[in-house]
Amino acid sequence: ESDCPDASTAPDERTIGKERIAATIESIRKTAEEKHVDARLVSTKSEVVMLLHEGGNALPQNHRMLRGWRAELLGVSLATYID
């Protein structure tokens, strides 16, 4: 239970911006496609929303996109969206 986010603090897509979320997902998809990786293995929409919600405060231990092969794959392109 301690690892589950509190529903009352879950980010609202409207506060982040649906266009921003869509642009981030599209960027991830394009990057993955260029590297011949299925984008569904890289991230989910909910992961993108959480990452954008945390922005510059996002920690690698909390986001699999910020560590390991996913971080290497996404590289700088992801950093442009989390600030």
PDB file of N, CA and C in Angstrom:
ATOM      1  N   GLU A   1       0.806  -1.203   0.000  1.00  0.00           N
ATOM      2  CA  GLU A   1       0.000   0.000   0.000  1.00  0.00           C
ATOM      3  C   GLU A   1       0.844   1.260   0.000  1.00  0.00           C
ATOM      4  N   SER A   2       1.997   1.223   0.642  1.00  0.00           N
ATOM      5  CA  SER A   2       2.837   2.424   0.705  1.00  0.00           C
ATOM      6  C   SER A   2       3.395   2.815  -0.658  1.00  0.00           C
ATOM      7  N   ASP A   3       3.489   1.860  -1.597  1.00  0.00           N
ATOM      8  CA  ASP A   3       3.993   2.155  -2.934  1.00  0.00           C
ATOM      9  C   ASP A   3       2.922   2.704  -3.862  1.00  0.00           C
ATOM     10  N   CYS A   4       1.677   2.580  -3.486  1.00  0.00           N
ATOM     11  CA  CYS A   4       0.580   3.053  -4.326  1.00  0.00           C
ATOM     12  C   CYS A   4       0.369   4.547  -4.125  1.00  0.00           C
ATOM     13  N   PRO A   5       0.213   5.296  -5.221  1.00  0.00           N
ATOM     14  CA  PRO A   5      -0.032   6.730  -5.074  1.00  0.00           C
ATOM     15  C   PRO A   5      -1.416   6.983  -4.484  1.00  0.00           C
ATOM     16  N   ASP A   6      -1.513   8.012  -3.711  1.00  0.00           N
ATOM     17  CA  ASP A   6      -2.782   8.430  -3.132  1.00  0.00           C
ATOM     18  C   ASP A   6      -3.645   9.008  -4.253  1.00  0.00           C
ATOM     19  N   ALA A   7      -4.846   8.506  -4.408  1.00  0.00           N
ATOM     20  CA  ALA A   7      -5.726   8.952  -5.490  1.00  0.00           C
ATOM     21  C   ALA A   7      -5.996  10.449  -5.427  1.00  0.00           C
ATOM     22  N   SER A   8      -5.999  11.019  -4.247  1.00  0.00           N
ATOM     23  CA  SER A   8      -6.283  12.445  -4.118  1.00  0.00           C
ATOM     24  C   SER A   8      -5.128  13.308  -4.616  1.00  0.00           C
ATOM     25  N   THR A   9      -3.919  12.735  -4.706  1.00  0.00           N
ATOM     26  CA  THR A   9      -2.769  13.499  -5.173  1.00  0.00           C
ATOM     27  C   THR A   9      -2.366  13.119  -6.594  1.00  0.00           C
ATOM     28  N   ALA A  10      -3.130  12.245  -7.213  1.00  0.00           N
ATOM     29  CA  ALA A  10      -2.827  11.844  -8.588  1.00  0.00           C
ATOM     30  C   ALA A  10      -2.941  13.061  -9.506  1.00  0.00           C
ATOM     31  N   PRO A  11      -1.990  13.207 -10.433  1.00  0.00           N
ATOM     32  CA  PRO A  11      -2.023  14.371 -11.323  1.00  0.00           C
ATOM     33  C   PRO A  11      -3.237  14.348 -12.245  1.00  0.00           C
ATOM     34  N   ASP A  12      -3.736  15.503 -12.500  1.00  0.00           N
ATOM     35  CA  ASP A  12      -4.873  15.669 -13.396  1.00  0.00           C
ATOM     36  C   ASP A  12      -4.337  16.058 -14.773  1.00  0.00           C
ATOM     37  N   GLU A  13      -4.735  15.322 -15.788  1.00  0.00           N
ATOM     38  CA  GLU A  13      -4.263  15.591 -17.150  1.00  0.00           C
ATOM     39  C   GLU A  13      -4.562  17.020 -17.584  1.00  0.00           C
ATOM     40  N   ARG A  14      -5.639  17.571 -17.096  1.00  0.00           N
ATOM     41  CA  ARG A  14      -6.003  18.941 -17.492  1.00  0.00           C
ATOM     42  C   ARG A  14      -4.997  19.961 -16.988  1.00  0.00           C
ATOM     43  N   THR A  15      -4.414  19.720 -15.807  1.00  0.00           N
ATOM     44  CA  THR A  15      -3.440  20.680 -15.282  1.00  0.00           C
ATOM     45  C   THR A  15      -2.107  20.586 -16.018  1.00  0.00           C
ATOM     46  N   ILE A  16      -1.791  19.429 -16.519  1.00  0.00           N
ATOM     47  CA  ILE A  16      -0.553  19.248 -17.276  1.00  0.00           C
ATOM     48  C   ILE A  16      -0.738  19.732 -18.704  1.00  0.00           C
ATOM     49  N   GLY A  17      -1.885  19.474 -19.247  1.00  0.00           N
ATOM     50  CA  GLY A  17      -2.189  19.860 -20.619  1.00  0.00           C
ATOM     51  C   GLY A  17      -2.195  18.652 -21.534  1.00  0.00           C
ATOM     52  N   LYS A  18      -3.338  18.377 -22.107  1.00  0.00           N
ATOM     53  CA  LYS A  18      -3.467  17.207 -22.981  1.00  0.00           C
ATOM     54  C   LYS A  18      -2.533  17.288 -24.177  1.00  0.00           C
ATOM     55  N   GLU A  19      -2.318  18.506 -24.691  1.00  0.00           N
ATOM     56  CA  GLU A  19      -1.423  18.672 -25.837  1.00  0.00           C
ATOM     57  C   GLU A  19       0.016  18.327 -25.449  1.00  0.00           C
ATOM     58  N   ARG A  20       0.408  18.740 -24.248  1.00  0.00           N
ATOM     59  CA  ARG A  20       1.764  18.450 -23.770  1.00  0.00           C
ATOM     60  C   ARG A  20       1.956  16.953 -23.575  1.00  0.00           C
ATOM     61  N   ILE A  21       0.963  16.305 -23.032  1.00  0.00           N
ATOM     62  CA  ILE A  21       1.025  14.853 -22.841  1.00  0.00           C
ATOM     63  C   ILE A  21       1.120  14.160 -24.196  1.00  0.00           C
ATOM     64  N   ALA A  22       0.268  14.557 -25.117  1.00  0.00           N
ATOM     65  CA  ALA A  22       0.267  13.946 -26.451  1.00  0.00           C
ATOM     66  C   ALA A  22       1.597  14.171 -27.163  1.00  0.00           C
ATOM     67  N   ALA A  23       2.159  15.365 -27.031  1.00  0.00           N
ATOM     68  CA  ALA A  23       3.441  15.658 -27.676  1.00  0.00           C
ATOM     69  C   ALA A  23       4.560  14.815 -27.085  1.00  0.00           C
ATOM     70  N   THR A  24       4.540  14.610 -25.782  1.00  0.00           N
ATOM     71  CA  THR A  24       5.558  13.785 -25.135  1.00  0.00           C
ATOM     72  C   THR A  24       5.438  12.332 -25.574  1.00  0.00           C
ATOM     73  N   ILE A  25       4.229  11.829 -25.595  1.00  0.00           N
ATOM     74  CA  ILE A  25       4.008  10.447 -26.036  1.00  0.00           C
ATOM     75  C   ILE A  25       4.448  10.279 -27.483  1.00  0.00           C
ATOM     76  N   GLU A  26       4.152  11.255 -28.314  1.00  0.00           N
ATOM     77  CA  GLU A  26       4.547  11.188 -29.719  1.00  0.00           C
ATOM     78  C   GLU A  26       6.062  11.219 -29.865  1.00  0.00           C
ATOM     79  N   SER A  27       6.726  12.038 -29.075  1.00  0.00           N
ATOM     80  CA  SER A  27       8.183  12.101 -29.109  1.00  0.00           C
ATOM     81  C   SER A  27       8.800  10.769 -28.697  1.00  0.00           C
ATOM     82  N   ILE A  28       8.250  10.175 -27.658  1.00  0.00           N
ATOM     83  CA  ILE A  28       8.724   8.867 -27.206  1.00  0.00           C
ATOM     84  C   ILE A  28       8.496   7.826 -28.293  1.00  0.00           C
ATOM     85  N   ARG A  29       7.330   7.865 -28.913  1.00  0.00           N
ATOM     86  CA  ARG A  29       7.012   6.905 -29.976  1.00  0.00           C
ATOM     87  C   ARG A  29       7.994   7.035 -31.143  1.00  0.00           C
ATOM     88  N   LYS A  30       8.262   8.277 -31.558  1.00  0.00           N
ATOM     89  CA  LYS A  30       9.166   8.498 -32.682  1.00  0.00           C
ATOM     90  C   LYS A  30      10.582   8.035 -32.356  1.00  0.00           C
ATOM     91  N   THR A  31      11.047   8.367 -31.154  1.00  0.00           N
ATOM     92  CA  THR A  31      12.382   7.959 -30.747  1.00  0.00           C
ATOM     93  C   THR A  31      12.489   6.439 -30.702  1.00  0.00           C
ATOM     94  N   ALA A  32      11.492   5.801 -30.133  1.00  0.00           N
ATOM     95  CA  ALA A  32      11.487   4.342 -30.055  1.00  0.00           C
ATOM     96  C   ALA A  32      11.460   3.728 -31.452  1.00  0.00           C
ATOM     97  N   GLU A  33      10.638   4.284 -32.323  1.00  0.00           N
ATOM     98  CA  GLU A  33      10.527   3.771 -33.687  1.00  0.00           C
ATOM     99  C   GLU A  33      11.864   3.880 -34.425  1.00  0.00           C
ATOM    100  N   GLU A  34      12.559   5.006 -34.242  1.00  0.00           N
ATOM    101  CA  GLU A  34      13.864   5.186 -34.883  1.00  0.00           C
ATOM    102  C   GLU A  34      14.872   4.137 -34.428  1.00  0.00           C
ATOM    103  N   LYS A  35      14.729   3.673 -33.197  1.00  0.00           N
ATOM    104  CA  LYS A  35      15.647   2.682 -32.632  1.00  0.00           C
ATOM    105  C   LYS A  35      15.102   1.257 -32.757  1.00  0.00           C
ATOM    106  N   HIS A  36      13.977   1.115 -33.463  1.00  0.00           N
ATOM    107  CA  HIS A  36      13.343  -0.188 -33.689  1.00  0.00           C
ATOM    108  C   HIS A  36      12.916  -0.864 -32.385  1.00  0.00           C
ATOM    109  N   VAL A  37      12.339  -0.058 -31.486  1.00  0.00           N
ATOM    110  CA  VAL A  37      11.831  -0.549 -30.210  1.00  0.00           C
ATOM    111  C   VAL A  37      10.344  -0.249 -30.153  1.00  0.00           C
ATOM    112  N   ASP A  38       9.570  -1.180 -29.676  1.00  0.00           N
ATOM    113  CA  ASP A  38       8.136  -0.971 -29.517  1.00  0.00           C
ATOM    114  C   ASP A  38       7.916   0.070 -28.418  1.00  0.00           C
ATOM    115  N   ALA A  39       7.275   1.177 -28.741  1.00  0.00           N
ATOM    116  CA  ALA A  39       7.074   2.280 -27.797  1.00  0.00           C
ATOM    117  C   ALA A  39       6.296   1.844 -26.561  1.00  0.00           C
ATOM    118  N   ARG A  40       5.479   0.804 -26.698  1.00  0.00           N
ATOM    119  CA  ARG A  40       4.717   0.323 -25.540  1.00  0.00           C
ATOM    120  C   ARG A  40       5.624  -0.260 -24.472  1.00  0.00           C
ATOM    121  N   LEU A  41       6.830  -0.649 -24.844  1.00  0.00           N
ATOM    122  CA  LEU A  41       7.798  -1.157 -23.868  1.00  0.00           C
ATOM    123  C   LEU A  41       8.512  -0.027 -23.134  1.00  0.00           C
ATOM    124  N   VAL A  42       8.504   1.156 -23.727  1.00  0.00           N
ATOM    125  CA  VAL A  42       9.239   2.288 -23.166  1.00  0.00           C
ATOM    126  C   VAL A  42       8.451   2.966 -22.055  1.00  0.00           C
ATOM    127  N   SER A  43       7.172   3.235 -22.295  1.00  0.00           N
ATOM    128  CA  SER A  43       6.374   3.919 -21.280  1.00  0.00           C
ATOM    129  C   SER A  43       4.885   3.753 -21.548  1.00  0.00           C
ATOM    130  N   THR A  44       4.139   4.049 -20.503  1.00  0.00           N
ATOM    131  CA  THR A  44       2.685   4.088 -20.620  1.00  0.00           C
ATOM    132  C   THR A  44       2.242   5.534 -20.493  1.00  0.00           C
ATOM    133  N   LYS A  45       1.017   5.797 -20.866  1.00  0.00           N
ATOM    134  CA  LYS A  45       0.494   7.152 -20.738  1.00  0.00           C
ATOM    135  C   LYS A  45       0.520   7.603 -19.280  1.00  0.00           C
ATOM    136  N   SER A  46       0.161   6.733 -18.365  1.00  0.00           N
ATOM    137  CA  SER A  46       0.150   7.115 -16.954  1.00  0.00           C
ATOM    138  C   SER A  46       1.555   7.444 -16.460  1.00  0.00           C
ATOM    139  N   GLU A  47       2.569   6.746 -16.974  1.00  0.00           N
ATOM    140  CA  GLU A  47       3.948   7.059 -16.602  1.00  0.00           C
ATOM    141  C   GLU A  47       4.353   8.438 -17.123  1.00  0.00           C
ATOM    142  N   VAL A  48       3.938   8.747 -18.323  1.00  0.00           N
ATOM    143  CA  VAL A  48       4.234  10.058 -18.905  1.00  0.00           C
ATOM    144  C   VAL A  48       3.560  11.157 -18.085  1.00  0.00           C
ATOM    145  N   VAL A  49       2.307  10.946 -17.726  1.00  0.00           N
ATOM    146  CA  VAL A  49       1.576  11.935 -16.935  1.00  0.00           C
ATOM    147  C   VAL A  49       2.276  12.176 -15.599  1.00  0.00           C
ATOM    148  N   MET A  50       2.667  11.111 -14.920  1.00  0.00           N
ATOM    149  CA  MET A  50       3.361  11.260 -13.627  1.00  0.00           C
ATOM    150  C   MET A  50       4.687  11.990 -13.791  1.00  0.00           C
ATOM    151  N   LEU A  51       5.424  11.663 -14.831  1.00  0.00           N
ATOM    152  CA  LEU A  51       6.708  12.301 -15.064  1.00  0.00           C
ATOM    153  C   LEU A  51       6.536  13.792 -15.344  1.00  0.00           C
ATOM    154  N   LEU A  52       5.590  14.130 -16.184  1.00  0.00           N
ATOM    155  CA  LEU A  52       5.341  15.542 -16.484  1.00  0.00           C
ATOM    156  C   LEU A  52       4.846  16.284 -15.260  1.00  0.00           C
ATOM    157  N   HIS A  53       4.067  15.622 -14.454  1.00  0.00           N
ATOM    158  CA  HIS A  53       3.556  16.231 -13.224  1.00  0.00           C
ATOM    159  C   HIS A  53       4.704  16.587 -12.279  1.00  0.00           C
ATOM    160  N   GLU A  54       5.672  15.697 -12.149  1.00  0.00           N
ATOM    161  CA  GLU A  54       6.799  15.934 -11.251  1.00  0.00           C
ATOM    162  C   GLU A  54       7.842  16.862 -11.863  1.00  0.00           C
ATOM    163  N   GLY A  55       7.905  16.888 -13.191  1.00  0.00           N
ATOM    164  CA  GLY A  55       8.824  17.791 -13.875  1.00  0.00           C
ATOM    165  C   GLY A  55      10.269  17.640 -13.433  1.00  0.00           C
ATOM    166  N   GLY A  56      10.914  18.763 -13.148  1.00  0.00           N
ATOM    167  CA  GLY A  56      12.316  18.766 -12.747  1.00  0.00           C
ATOM    168  C   GLY A  56      12.581  18.100 -11.417  1.00  0.00           C
ATOM    169  N   ASN A  57      11.527  17.815 -10.646  1.00  0.00           N
ATOM    170  CA  ASN A  57      11.670  17.137  -9.360  1.00  0.00           C
ATOM    171  C   ASN A  57      11.623  15.615  -9.492  1.00  0.00           C
ATOM    172  N   ALA A  58      11.451  15.115 -10.710  1.00  0.00           N
ATOM    173  CA  ALA A  58      11.343  13.677 -10.939  1.00  0.00           C
ATOM    174  C   ALA A  58      12.660  12.984 -10.613  1.00  0.00           C
ATOM    175  N   LEU A  59      12.576  11.876  -9.898  1.00  0.00           N
ATOM    176  CA  LEU A  59      13.750  11.104  -9.506  1.00  0.00           C
ATOM    177  C   LEU A  59      13.800   9.794 -10.286  1.00  0.00           C
ATOM    178  N   PRO A  60      14.990   9.397 -10.736  1.00  0.00           N
ATOM    179  CA  PRO A  60      15.107   8.151 -11.499  1.00  0.00           C
ATOM    180  C   PRO A  60      14.535   6.928 -10.779  1.00  0.00           C
ATOM    181  N   GLN A  61      14.675   6.866  -9.471  1.00  0.00           N
ATOM    182  CA  GLN A  61      14.157   5.698  -8.758  1.00  0.00           C
ATOM    183  C   GLN A  61      12.635   5.612  -8.804  1.00  0.00           C
ATOM    184  N   ASN A  62      11.972   6.710  -9.142  1.00  0.00           N
ATOM    185  CA  ASN A  62      10.515   6.727  -9.219  1.00  0.00           C
ATOM    186  C   ASN A  62       9.976   6.573 -10.638  1.00  0.00           C
ATOM    187  N   HIS A  63      10.854   6.653 -11.622  1.00  0.00           N
ATOM    188  CA  HIS A  63      10.409   6.610 -13.030  1.00  0.00           C
ATOM    189  C   HIS A  63      11.345   5.733 -13.843  1.00  0.00           C
ATOM    190  N   ARG A  64      10.819   4.660 -14.374  1.00  0.00           N
ATOM    191  CA  ARG A  64      11.669   3.750 -15.140  1.00  0.00           C
ATOM    192  C   ARG A  64      12.167   4.385 -16.440  1.00  0.00           C
ATOM    193  N   MET A  65      11.498   5.447 -16.920  1.00  0.00           N
ATOM    194  CA  MET A  65      11.978   6.136 -18.118  1.00  0.00           C
ATOM    195  C   MET A  65      13.259   6.925 -17.854  1.00  0.00           C
ATOM    196  N   LEU A  66      13.577   7.147 -16.588  1.00  0.00           N
ATOM    197  CA  LEU A  66      14.760   7.930 -16.238  1.00  0.00           C
ATOM    198  C   LEU A  66      15.954   7.068 -15.842  1.00  0.00           C
ATOM    199  N   ARG A  67      15.849   5.765 -16.062  1.00  0.00           N
ATOM    200  CA  ARG A  67      16.966   4.890 -15.696  1.00  0.00           C
ATOM    201  C   ARG A  67      17.080   3.732 -16.697  1.00  0.00           C
ATOM    202  N   GLY A  68      18.255   3.141 -16.714  1.00  0.00           N
ATOM    203  CA  GLY A  68      18.493   1.972 -17.555  1.00  0.00           C
ATOM    204  C   GLY A  68      18.393   2.250 -19.044  1.00  0.00           C
ATOM    205  N   TRP A  69      17.986   1.225 -19.775  1.00  0.00           N
ATOM    206  CA  TRP A  69      17.945   1.324 -21.235  1.00  0.00           C
ATOM    207  C   TRP A  69      16.932   2.345 -21.721  1.00  0.00           C
ATOM    208  N   ARG A  70      15.868   2.568 -20.944  1.00  0.00           N
ATOM    209  CA  ARG A  70      14.876   3.568 -21.354  1.00  0.00           C
ATOM    210  C   ARG A  70      15.477   4.965 -21.347  1.00  0.00           C
ATOM    211  N   ALA A  71      16.239   5.284 -20.312  1.00  0.00           N
ATOM    212  CA  ALA A  71      16.896   6.594 -20.230  1.00  0.00           C
ATOM    213  C   ALA A  71      17.894   6.758 -21.371  1.00  0.00           C
ATOM    214  N   GLU A  72      18.636   5.698 -21.666  1.00  0.00           N
ATOM    215  CA  GLU A  72      19.586   5.752 -22.776  1.00  0.00           C
ATOM    216  C   GLU A  72      18.858   5.958 -24.098  1.00  0.00           C
ATOM    217  N   LEU A  73      17.767   5.258 -24.291  1.00  0.00           N
ATOM    218  CA  LEU A  73      16.998   5.368 -25.528  1.00  0.00           C
ATOM    219  C   LEU A  73      16.420   6.767 -25.698  1.00  0.00           C
ATOM    220  N   LEU A  74      15.820   7.306 -24.634  1.00  0.00           N
ATOM    221  CA  LEU A  74      15.151   8.596 -24.728  1.00  0.00           C
ATOM    222  C   LEU A  74      16.115   9.765 -24.680  1.00  0.00           C
ATOM    223  N   GLY A  75      17.176   9.639 -23.923  1.00  0.00           N
ATOM    224  CA  GLY A  75      18.213  10.660 -23.884  1.00  0.00           C
ATOM    225  C   GLY A  75      17.685  12.063 -23.665  1.00  0.00           C
ATOM    226  N   VAL A  76      18.235  12.995 -24.392  1.00  0.00           N
ATOM    227  CA  VAL A  76      17.913  14.410 -24.230  1.00  0.00           C
ATOM    228  C   VAL A  76      16.475  14.723 -24.617  1.00  0.00           C
ATOM    229  N   SER A  77      15.897  13.982 -25.534  1.00  0.00           N
ATOM    230  CA  SER A  77      14.548  14.304 -25.993  1.00  0.00           C
ATOM    231  C   SER A  77      13.541  14.315 -24.842  1.00  0.00           C
ATOM    232  N   LEU A  78      13.743  13.443 -23.848  1.00  0.00           N
ATOM    233  CA  LEU A  78      12.835  13.405 -22.711  1.00  0.00           C
ATOM    234  C   LEU A  78      13.044  14.625 -21.817  1.00  0.00           C
ATOM    235  N   ALA A  79      14.282  15.052 -21.657  1.00  0.00           N
ATOM    236  CA  ALA A  79      14.583  16.201 -20.783  1.00  0.00           C
ATOM    237  C   ALA A  79      13.857  17.459 -21.246  1.00  0.00           C
ATOM    238  N   THR A  80      13.601  17.577 -22.520  1.00  0.00           N
ATOM    239  CA  THR A  80      12.932  18.781 -23.019  1.00  0.00           C
ATOM    240  C   THR A  80      11.491  18.880 -22.538  1.00  0.00           C
ATOM    241  N   TYR A  81      10.908  17.782 -22.114  1.00  0.00           N
ATOM    242  CA  TYR A  81       9.520  17.788 -21.684  1.00  0.00           C
ATOM    243  C   TYR A  81       9.324  17.840 -20.179  1.00  0.00           C
ATOM    244  N   ILE A  82      10.348  17.486 -19.397  1.00  0.00           N
ATOM    245  CA  ILE A  82      10.122  17.408 -17.954  1.00  0.00           C
ATOM    246  C   ILE A  82      10.471  18.695 -17.228  1.00  0.00           C
ATOM    247  N   ASP A  83      11.037  19.659 -17.877  1.00  0.00           N
ATOM    248  CA  ASP A  83      11.349  20.923 -17.203  1.00  0.00           C
ATOM    249  C   ASP A  83      10.190  21.892 -17.236  1.00  0.00           C
TER     250      ASP A  83
END
